[in-house]
Amino acid sequence: RTCAADLVGTAPWSGALPDCGIARYLVTPSDGVNPLRL
């Protein structure tokens, strides 16, 4: 199974994916410091 959640608003994002049995998700952005990535 695959479940999805739209990430709207400002980070960090949190919520639940009950269709996949996920009671809570937390997405915390990381700072990009790799010059090639930038």
PDB file of all heavy atoms in Angstrom:
ATOM      1  N   ARG A   1       0.838  -1.197   0.000  1.00  0.00           N
ATOM      2  CA  ARG A   1       0.000   0.000   0.000  1.00  0.00           C
ATOM      3  C   ARG A   1       0.876   1.251   0.000  1.00  0.00           C
ATOM      4  O   ARG A   1       1.969   1.248   0.535  1.00  0.00           O
ATOM      5  CB  ARG A   1      -0.882   0.059   1.247  1.00  0.00           C
ATOM      6  CG  ARG A   1      -2.038  -0.892   1.212  1.00  0.00           C
ATOM      7  CD  ARG A   1      -2.865  -0.770   2.465  1.00  0.00           C
ATOM      8  NE  ARG A   1      -2.039  -1.224   3.592  1.00  0.00           N
ATOM      9  CZ  ARG A   1      -2.214  -0.841   4.851  1.00  0.00           C
ATOM     10  NH1 ARG A   1      -3.158   0.008   5.163  1.00  0.00           N
ATOM     11  NH2 ARG A   1      -1.438  -1.315   5.802  1.00  0.00           N
ATOM     12  N   THR A   2       0.347   2.316  -0.604  1.00  0.00           N
ATOM     13  CA  THR A   2       1.013   3.613  -0.583  1.00  0.00           C
ATOM     14  C   THR A   2       0.003   4.641  -0.114  1.00  0.00           C
ATOM     15  O   THR A   2      -1.131   4.663  -0.579  1.00  0.00           O
ATOM     16  CB  THR A   2       1.528   3.985  -1.983  1.00  0.00           C
ATOM     17  OG1 THR A   2       2.445   2.985  -2.415  1.00  0.00           O
ATOM     18  CG2 THR A   2       2.236   5.326  -1.970  1.00  0.00           C
ATOM     19  N   CYS A   3       0.430   5.497   0.813  1.00  0.00           N
ATOM     20  CA  CYS A   3      -0.408   6.579   1.313  1.00  0.00           C
ATOM     21  C   CYS A   3       0.339   7.889   1.102  1.00  0.00           C
ATOM     22  O   CYS A   3       1.563   7.913   1.092  1.00  0.00           O
ATOM     23  CB  CYS A   3      -0.706   6.390   2.799  1.00  0.00           C
ATOM     24  SG  CYS A   3      -1.670   4.908   3.139  1.00  0.00           S
ATOM     25  N   ALA A   4      -0.418   8.958   0.946  1.00  0.00           N
ATOM     26  CA  ALA A   4       0.203  10.259   0.705  1.00  0.00           C
ATOM     27  C   ALA A   4      -0.479  11.336   1.527  1.00  0.00           C
ATOM     28  O   ALA A   4      -1.660  11.218   1.865  1.00  0.00           O
ATOM     29  CB  ALA A   4       0.130  10.608  -0.777  1.00  0.00           C
ATOM     30  N   ALA A   5       0.291  12.357   1.843  1.00  0.00           N
ATOM     31  CA  ALA A   5      -0.232  13.527   2.542  1.00  0.00           C
ATOM     32  C   ALA A   5       0.357  14.772   1.887  1.00  0.00           C
ATOM     33  O   ALA A   5       1.560  14.827   1.631  1.00  0.00           O
ATOM     34  CB  ALA A   5       0.147  13.479   4.018  1.00  0.00           C
ATOM     35  N   ASP A   6      -0.491  15.743   1.601  1.00  0.00           N
ATOM     36  CA  ASP A   6      -0.016  17.022   1.068  1.00  0.00           C
ATOM     37  C   ASP A   6       0.636  17.804   2.190  1.00  0.00           C
ATOM     38  O   ASP A   6       0.107  17.874   3.304  1.00  0.00           O
ATOM     39  CB  ASP A   6      -1.168  17.825   0.473  1.00  0.00           C
ATOM     40  CG  ASP A   6      -1.709  17.202  -0.801  1.00  0.00           C
ATOM     41  OD1 ASP A   6      -0.925  16.545  -1.515  1.00  0.00           O
ATOM     42  OD2 ASP A   6      -2.913  17.362  -1.071  1.00  0.00           O
ATOM     43  N   LEU A   7       1.788  18.389   1.908  1.00  0.00           N
ATOM     44  CA  LEU A   7       2.511  19.184   2.888  1.00  0.00           C
ATOM     45  C   LEU A   7       2.241  20.649   2.582  1.00  0.00           C
ATOM     46  O   LEU A   7       2.841  21.219   1.677  1.00  0.00           O
ATOM     47  CB  LEU A   7       4.010  18.867   2.839  1.00  0.00           C
ATOM     48  CG  LEU A   7       4.368  17.392   3.060  1.00  0.00           C
ATOM     49  CD1 LEU A   7       5.867  17.183   2.895  1.00  0.00           C
ATOM     50  CD2 LEU A   7       3.905  16.917   4.426  1.00  0.00           C
ATOM     51  N   VAL A   8       1.323  21.245   3.317  1.00  0.00           N
ATOM     52  CA  VAL A   8       0.946  22.635   3.089  1.00  0.00           C
ATOM     53  C   VAL A   8       1.338  23.474   4.300  1.00  0.00           C
ATOM     54  O   VAL A   8       1.473  22.957   5.408  1.00  0.00           O
ATOM     55  CB  VAL A   8      -0.566  22.777   2.803  1.00  0.00           C
ATOM     56  CG1 VAL A   8      -0.931  22.097   1.500  1.00  0.00           C
ATOM     57  CG2 VAL A   8      -1.394  22.206   3.931  1.00  0.00           C
ATOM     58  N   GLY A   9       1.521  24.747   4.063  1.00  0.00           N
ATOM     59  CA  GLY A   9       1.903  25.633   5.155  1.00  0.00           C
ATOM     60  C   GLY A   9       3.406  25.605   5.359  1.00  0.00           C
ATOM     61  O   GLY A   9       4.176  25.171   4.509  1.00  0.00           O
ATOM     62  N   THR A  10       3.816  26.074   6.513  1.00  0.00           N
ATOM     63  CA  THR A  10       5.246  26.144   6.807  1.00  0.00           C
ATOM     64  C   THR A  10       5.710  24.904   7.549  1.00  0.00           C
ATOM     65  O   THR A  10       4.947  24.260   8.265  1.00  0.00           O
ATOM     66  CB  THR A  10       5.558  27.389   7.660  1.00  0.00           C
ATOM     67  OG1 THR A  10       4.782  27.338   8.854  1.00  0.00           O
ATOM     68  CG2 THR A  10       5.239  28.660   6.904  1.00  0.00           C
ATOM     69  N   ALA A  11       6.967  24.584   7.359  1.00  0.00           N
ATOM     70  CA  ALA A  11       7.573  23.411   7.995  1.00  0.00           C
ATOM     71  C   ALA A  11       7.866  23.724   9.457  1.00  0.00           C
ATOM     72  O   ALA A  11       8.005  24.884   9.816  1.00  0.00           O
ATOM     73  CB  ALA A  11       8.853  23.054   7.261  1.00  0.00           C
ATOM     74  N   PRO A  12       7.994  22.721  10.299  1.00  0.00           N
ATOM     75  CA  PRO A  12       7.857  21.287  10.045  1.00  0.00           C
ATOM     76  C   PRO A  12       6.395  20.895   9.858  1.00  0.00           C
ATOM     77  O   PRO A  12       5.500  21.568  10.355  1.00  0.00           O
ATOM     78  CB  PRO A  12       8.446  20.648  11.297  1.00  0.00           C
ATOM     79  CG  PRO A  12       8.259  21.654  12.371  1.00  0.00           C
ATOM     80  CD  PRO A  12       8.328  22.993  11.701  1.00  0.00           C
ATOM     81  N   TRP A  13       6.183  19.804   9.123  1.00  0.00           N
ATOM     82  CA  TRP A  13       4.842  19.327   8.845  1.00  0.00           C
ATOM     83  C   TRP A  13       4.560  18.094   9.692  1.00  0.00           C
ATOM     84  O   TRP A  13       5.432  17.257   9.909  1.00  0.00           O
ATOM     85  CB  TRP A  13       4.704  18.966   7.373  1.00  0.00           C
ATOM     86  CG  TRP A  13       4.928  20.128   6.457  1.00  0.00           C
ATOM     87  CD1 TRP A  13       4.056  21.127   6.176  1.00  0.00           C
ATOM     88  CD2 TRP A  13       6.109  20.403   5.706  1.00  0.00           C
ATOM     89  NE1 TRP A  13       4.624  22.014   5.295  1.00  0.00           N
ATOM     90  CE2 TRP A  13       5.887  21.600   4.998  1.00  0.00           C
ATOM     91  CE3 TRP A  13       7.344  19.772   5.566  1.00  0.00           C
ATOM     92  CZ2 TRP A  13       6.822  22.164   4.155  1.00  0.00           C
ATOM     93  CZ3 TRP A  13       8.284  20.336   4.742  1.00  0.00           C
ATOM     94  CH2 TRP A  13       8.027  21.516   4.043  1.00  0.00           C
ATOM     95  N   SER A  14       3.323  17.964  10.144  1.00  0.00           N
ATOM     96  CA  SER A  14       2.934  16.778  10.908  1.00  0.00           C
ATOM     97  C   SER A  14       1.484  16.451  10.603  1.00  0.00           C
ATOM     98  O   SER A  14       0.735  17.285  10.095  1.00  0.00           O
ATOM     99  CB  SER A  14       3.137  17.002  12.413  1.00  0.00           C
ATOM    100  OG  SER A  14       2.293  18.040  12.869  1.00  0.00           O
ATOM    101  N   GLY A  15       1.119  15.225  10.906  1.00  0.00           N
ATOM    102  CA  GLY A  15      -0.240  14.768  10.669  1.00  0.00           C
ATOM    103  C   GLY A  15      -0.305  13.271  10.859  1.00  0.00           C
ATOM    104  O   GLY A  15       0.564  12.680  11.501  1.00  0.00           O
ATOM    105  N   ALA A  16      -1.325  12.650  10.279  1.00  0.00           N
ATOM    106  CA  ALA A  16      -1.521  11.203  10.385  1.00  0.00           C
ATOM    107  C   ALA A  16      -1.892  10.644   9.016  1.00  0.00           C
ATOM    108  O   ALA A  16      -2.392  11.362   8.155  1.00  0.00           O
ATOM    109  CB  ALA A  16      -2.618  10.890  11.391  1.00  0.00           C
ATOM    110  N   LEU A  17      -1.609   9.365   8.836  1.00  0.00           N
ATOM    111  CA  LEU A  17      -2.001   8.623   7.634  1.00  0.00           C
ATOM    112  C   LEU A  17      -2.768   7.384   8.090  1.00  0.00           C
ATOM    113  O   LEU A  17      -2.231   6.266   8.088  1.00  0.00           O
ATOM    114  CB  LEU A  17      -0.771   8.230   6.816  1.00  0.00           C
ATOM    115  CG  LEU A  17       0.030   9.372   6.204  1.00  0.00           C
ATOM    116  CD1 LEU A  17       1.366   8.884   5.678  1.00  0.00           C
ATOM    117  CD2 LEU A  17      -0.771  10.023   5.091  1.00  0.00           C
ATOM    118  N   PRO A  18      -4.022   7.546   8.497  1.00  0.00           N
ATOM    119  CA  PRO A  18      -4.758   6.413   9.067  1.00  0.00           C
ATOM    120  C   PRO A  18      -4.949   5.243   8.100  1.00  0.00           C
ATOM    121  O   PRO A  18      -5.033   4.097   8.533  1.00  0.00           O
ATOM    122  CB  PRO A  18      -6.092   7.020   9.491  1.00  0.00           C
ATOM    123  CG  PRO A  18      -6.193   8.330   8.795  1.00  0.00           C
ATOM    124  CD  PRO A  18      -4.806   8.766   8.471  1.00  0.00           C
ATOM    125  N   ASP A  19      -5.013   5.510   6.790  1.00  0.00           N
ATOM    126  CA  ASP A  19      -5.176   4.416   5.824  1.00  0.00           C
ATOM    127  C   ASP A  19      -3.988   3.458   5.824  1.00  0.00           C
ATOM    128  O   ASP A  19      -4.111   2.313   5.397  1.00  0.00           O
ATOM    129  CB  ASP A  19      -5.397   4.972   4.419  1.00  0.00           C
ATOM    130  CG  ASP A  19      -6.731   5.690   4.289  1.00  0.00           C
ATOM    131  OD1 ASP A  19      -7.598   5.489   5.153  1.00  0.00           O
ATOM    132  OD2 ASP A  19      -6.895   6.458   3.327  1.00  0.00           O
ATOM    133  N   CYS A  20      -2.828   3.933   6.274  1.00  0.00           N
ATOM    134  CA  CYS A  20      -1.634   3.091   6.352  1.00  0.00           C
ATOM    135  C   CYS A  20      -1.270   2.750   7.800  1.00  0.00           C
ATOM    136  O   CYS A  20      -0.199   2.211   8.053  1.00  0.00           O
ATOM    137  CB  CYS A  20      -0.449   3.789   5.679  1.00  0.00           C
ATOM    138  SG  CYS A  20      -0.463   3.626   3.881  1.00  0.00           S
ATOM    139  N   GLY A  21      -2.123   3.093   8.733  1.00  0.00           N
ATOM    140  CA  GLY A  21      -1.843   2.780  10.127  1.00  0.00           C
ATOM    141  C   GLY A  21      -0.779   3.660  10.758  1.00  0.00           C
ATOM    142  O   GLY A  21      -0.189   3.309  11.767  1.00  0.00           O
ATOM    143  N   ILE A  22      -0.524   4.812  10.154  1.00  0.00           N
ATOM    144  CA  ILE A  22       0.462   5.753  10.691  1.00  0.00           C
ATOM    145  C   ILE A  22      -0.290   6.757  11.567  1.00  0.00           C
ATOM    146  O   ILE A  22      -1.077   7.559  11.070  1.00  0.00           O
ATOM    147  CB  ILE A  22       1.231   6.487   9.572  1.00  0.00           C
ATOM    148  CG1 ILE A  22       1.936   5.484   8.652  1.00  0.00           C
ATOM    149  CG2 ILE A  22       2.215   7.492  10.159  1.00  0.00           C
ATOM    150  CD1 ILE A  22       2.965   4.623   9.343  1.00  0.00           C
ATOM    151  N   ALA A  23      -0.038   6.683  12.879  1.00  0.00           N
ATOM    152  CA  ALA A  23      -0.722   7.561  13.816  1.00  0.00           C
ATOM    153  C   ALA A  23      -0.167   8.979  13.758  1.00  0.00           C
ATOM    154  O   ALA A  23      -0.878   9.940  14.027  1.00  0.00           O
ATOM    155  CB  ALA A  23      -0.609   7.010  15.236  1.00  0.00           C
ATOM    156  N   ARG A  24       1.115   9.100  13.412  1.00  0.00           N
ATOM    157  CA  ARG A  24       1.726  10.438  13.346  1.00  0.00           C
ATOM    158  C   ARG A  24       2.924  10.411  12.410  1.00  0.00           C
ATOM    159  O   ARG A  24       3.709   9.467  12.408  1.00  0.00           O
ATOM    160  CB  ARG A  24       2.175  10.869  14.734  1.00  0.00           C
ATOM    161  CG  ARG A  24       2.842  12.229  14.766  1.00  0.00           C
ATOM    162  CD  ARG A  24       3.081  12.691  16.202  1.00  0.00           C
ATOM    163  NE  ARG A  24       3.979  13.804  16.293  1.00  0.00           N
ATOM    164  CZ  ARG A  24       3.683  15.069  16.018  1.00  0.00           C
ATOM    165  NH1 ARG A  24       2.489  15.368  15.599  1.00  0.00           N
ATOM    166  NH2 ARG A  24       4.572  16.026  16.156  1.00  0.00           N
ATOM    167  N   TYR A  25       3.035  11.457  11.604  1.00  0.00           N
ATOM    168  CA  TYR A  25       4.261  11.691  10.838  1.00  0.00           C
ATOM    169  C   TYR A  25       4.765  13.082  11.183  1.00  0.00           C
ATOM    170  O   TYR A  25       3.992  13.978  11.535  1.00  0.00           O
ATOM    171  CB  TYR A  25       4.045  11.533   9.326  1.00  0.00           C
ATOM    172  CG  TYR A  25       3.150  12.561   8.682  1.00  0.00           C
ATOM    173  CD1 TYR A  25       3.630  13.824   8.337  1.00  0.00           C
ATOM    174  CD2 TYR A  25       1.820  12.271   8.394  1.00  0.00           C
ATOM    175  CE1 TYR A  25       2.804  14.768   7.751  1.00  0.00           C
ATOM    176  CE2 TYR A  25       0.991  13.201   7.805  1.00  0.00           C
ATOM    177  CZ  TYR A  25       1.486  14.444   7.482  1.00  0.00           C
ATOM    178  OH  TYR A  25       0.664  15.371   6.894  1.00  0.00           O
ATOM    179  N   LEU A  26       6.075  13.236  11.109  1.00  0.00           N
ATOM    180  CA  LEU A  26       6.715  14.530  11.338  1.00  0.00           C
ATOM    181  C   LEU A  26       7.812  14.684  10.298  1.00  0.00           C
ATOM    182  O   LEU A  26       8.718  13.845  10.225  1.00  0.00           O
ATOM    183  CB  LEU A  26       7.300  14.621  12.746  1.00  0.00           C
ATOM    184  CG  LEU A  26       8.065  15.904  13.080  1.00  0.00           C
ATOM    185  CD1 LEU A  26       7.148  17.122  13.012  1.00  0.00           C
ATOM    186  CD2 LEU A  26       8.696  15.798  14.454  1.00  0.00           C
ATOM    187  N   VAL A  27       7.718  15.718   9.480  1.00  0.00           N
ATOM    188  CA  VAL A  27       8.703  15.995   8.435  1.00  0.00           C
ATOM    189  C   VAL A  27       9.428  17.280   8.830  1.00  0.00           C
ATOM    190  O   VAL A  27       8.807  18.340   8.922  1.00  0.00           O
ATOM    191  CB  VAL A  27       8.039  16.151   7.051  1.00  0.00           C
ATOM    192  CG1 VAL A  27       9.082  16.488   6.000  1.00  0.00           C
ATOM    193  CG2 VAL A  27       7.270  14.895   6.677  1.00  0.00           C
ATOM    194  N   THR A  28      10.732  17.158   9.075  1.00  0.00           N
ATOM    195  CA  THR A  28      11.551  18.291   9.490  1.00  0.00           C
ATOM    196  C   THR A  28      12.601  18.566   8.420  1.00  0.00           C
ATOM    197  O   THR A  28      13.490  17.742   8.208  1.00  0.00           O
ATOM    198  CB  THR A  28      12.240  17.987  10.840  1.00  0.00           C
ATOM    199  OG1 THR A  28      11.252  17.565  11.773  1.00  0.00           O
ATOM    200  CG2 THR A  28      12.960  19.202  11.361  1.00  0.00           C
ATOM    201  N   PRO A  29      12.504  19.705   7.733  1.00  0.00           N
ATOM    202  CA  PRO A  29      13.485  20.023   6.687  1.00  0.00           C
ATOM    203  C   PRO A  29      14.892  20.181   7.259  1.00  0.00           C
ATOM    204  O   PRO A  29      15.066  20.603   8.396  1.00  0.00           O
ATOM    205  CB  PRO A  29      12.995  21.351   6.121  1.00  0.00           C
ATOM    206  CG  PRO A  29      11.585  21.462   6.544  1.00  0.00           C
ATOM    207  CD  PRO A  29      11.469  20.710   7.837  1.00  0.00           C
ATOM    208  N   SER A  30      15.875  19.830   6.448  1.00  0.00           N
ATOM    209  CA  SER A  30      17.283  20.003   6.806  1.00  0.00           C
ATOM    210  C   SER A  30      17.856  21.136   5.973  1.00  0.00           C
ATOM    211  O   SER A  30      17.411  21.381   4.850  1.00  0.00           O
ATOM    212  CB  SER A  30      18.077  18.723   6.510  1.00  0.00           C
ATOM    213  OG  SER A  30      17.534  17.629   7.193  1.00  0.00           O
ATOM    214  N   ASP A  31      18.834  21.801   6.522  1.00  0.00           N
ATOM    215  CA  ASP A  31      19.508  22.860   5.767  1.00  0.00           C
ATOM    216  C   ASP A  31      20.450  22.235   4.754  1.00  0.00           C
ATOM    217  O   ASP A  31      21.208  21.331   5.081  1.00  0.00           O
ATOM    218  CB  ASP A  31      20.313  23.769   6.698  1.00  0.00           C
ATOM    219  CG  ASP A  31      19.402  24.564   7.615  1.00  0.00           C
ATOM    220  OD1 ASP A  31      18.268  24.867   7.200  1.00  0.00           O
ATOM    221  OD2 ASP A  31      19.815  24.867   8.747  1.00  0.00           O
ATOM    222  N   GLY A  32      20.407  22.731   3.516  1.00  0.00           N
ATOM    223  CA  GLY A  32      21.305  22.240   2.478  1.00  0.00           C
ATOM    224  C   GLY A  32      22.636  22.972   2.548  1.00  0.00           C
ATOM    225  O   GLY A  32      22.686  24.173   2.322  1.00  0.00           O
ATOM    226  N   VAL A  33      23.696  22.255   2.889  1.00  0.00           N
ATOM    227  CA  VAL A  33      25.008  22.888   2.993  1.00  0.00           C
ATOM    228  C   VAL A  33      25.989  22.334   1.965  1.00  0.00           C
ATOM    229  O   VAL A  33      27.099  22.813   1.861  1.00  0.00           O
ATOM    230  CB  VAL A  33      25.594  22.720   4.419  1.00  0.00           C
ATOM    231  CG1 VAL A  33      24.772  23.498   5.417  1.00  0.00           C
ATOM    232  CG2 VAL A  33      25.667  21.262   4.812  1.00  0.00           C
ATOM    233  N   ASN A  34      25.580  21.360   1.205  1.00  0.00           N
ATOM    234  CA  ASN A  34      26.432  20.781   0.178  1.00  0.00           C
ATOM    235  C   ASN A  34      26.462  21.741  -1.021  1.00  0.00           C
ATOM    236  O   ASN A  34      25.423  22.021  -1.625  1.00  0.00           O
ATOM    237  CB  ASN A  34      25.873  19.415  -0.230  1.00  0.00           C
ATOM    238  CG  ASN A  34      26.698  18.728  -1.276  1.00  0.00           C
ATOM    239  OD1 ASN A  34      27.364  19.360  -2.087  1.00  0.00           O
ATOM    240  ND2 ASN A  34      26.642  17.410  -1.277  1.00  0.00           N
ATOM    241  N   PRO A  35      27.636  22.264  -1.390  1.00  0.00           N
ATOM    242  CA  PRO A  35      27.709  23.228  -2.498  1.00  0.00           C
ATOM    243  C   PRO A  35      27.164  22.681  -3.817  1.00  0.00           C
ATOM    244  O   PRO A  35      26.520  23.409  -4.572  1.00  0.00           O
ATOM    245  CB  PRO A  35      29.200  23.537  -2.620  1.00  0.00           C
ATOM    246  CG  PRO A  35      29.801  23.107  -1.327  1.00  0.00           C
ATOM    247  CD  PRO A  35      28.927  22.033  -0.781  1.00  0.00           C
ATOM    248  N   LEU A  36      27.388  21.395  -4.093  1.00  0.00           N
ATOM    249  CA  LEU A  36      26.867  20.807  -5.320  1.00  0.00           C
ATOM    250  C   LEU A  36      25.342  20.780  -5.276  1.00  0.00           C
ATOM    251  O   LEU A  36      24.673  21.101  -6.270  1.00  0.00           O
ATOM    252  CB  LEU A  36      27.423  19.391  -5.523  1.00  0.00           C
ATOM    253  CG  LEU A  36      26.947  18.652  -6.761  1.00  0.00           C
ATOM    254  CD1 LEU A  36      27.271  19.445  -8.029  1.00  0.00           C
ATOM    255  CD2 LEU A  36      27.568  17.271  -6.826  1.00  0.00           C
ATOM    256  N   ARG A  37      24.780  20.433  -4.134  1.00  0.00           N
ATOM    257  CA  ARG A  37      23.328  20.415  -3.970  1.00  0.00           C
ATOM    258  C   ARG A  37      22.761  21.824  -4.176  1.00  0.00           C
ATOM    259  O   ARG A  37      21.744  21.997  -4.852  1.00  0.00           O
ATOM    260  CB  ARG A  37      22.971  19.873  -2.586  1.00  0.00           C
ATOM    261  CG  ARG A  37      21.520  20.004  -2.172  1.00  0.00           C
ATOM    262  CD  ARG A  37      20.664  18.974  -2.833  1.00  0.00           C
ATOM    263  NE  ARG A  37      19.263  19.196  -2.495  1.00  0.00           N
ATOM    264  CZ  ARG A  37      18.349  18.277  -2.580  1.00  0.00           C
ATOM    265  NH1 ARG A  37      18.655  17.066  -2.983  1.00  0.00           N
ATOM    266  NH2 ARG A  37      17.118  18.536  -2.274  1.00  0.00           N
ATOM    267  N   LEU A  38      23.403  22.827  -3.587  1.00  0.00           N
ATOM    268  CA  LEU A  38      22.936  24.199  -3.736  1.00  0.00           C
ATOM    269  C   LEU A  38      22.969  24.639  -5.207  1.00  0.00           C
ATOM    270  O   LEU A  38      22.045  25.309  -5.682  1.00  0.00           O
ATOM    271  CB  LEU A  38      23.770  25.142  -2.869  1.00  0.00           C
ATOM    272  CG  LEU A  38      23.642  24.934  -1.350  1.00  0.00           C
ATOM    273  CD1 LEU A  38      24.626  25.830  -0.609  1.00  0.00           C
ATOM    274  CD2 LEU A  38      22.224  25.173  -0.896  1.00  0.00           C
TER     275      LEU A  38
END
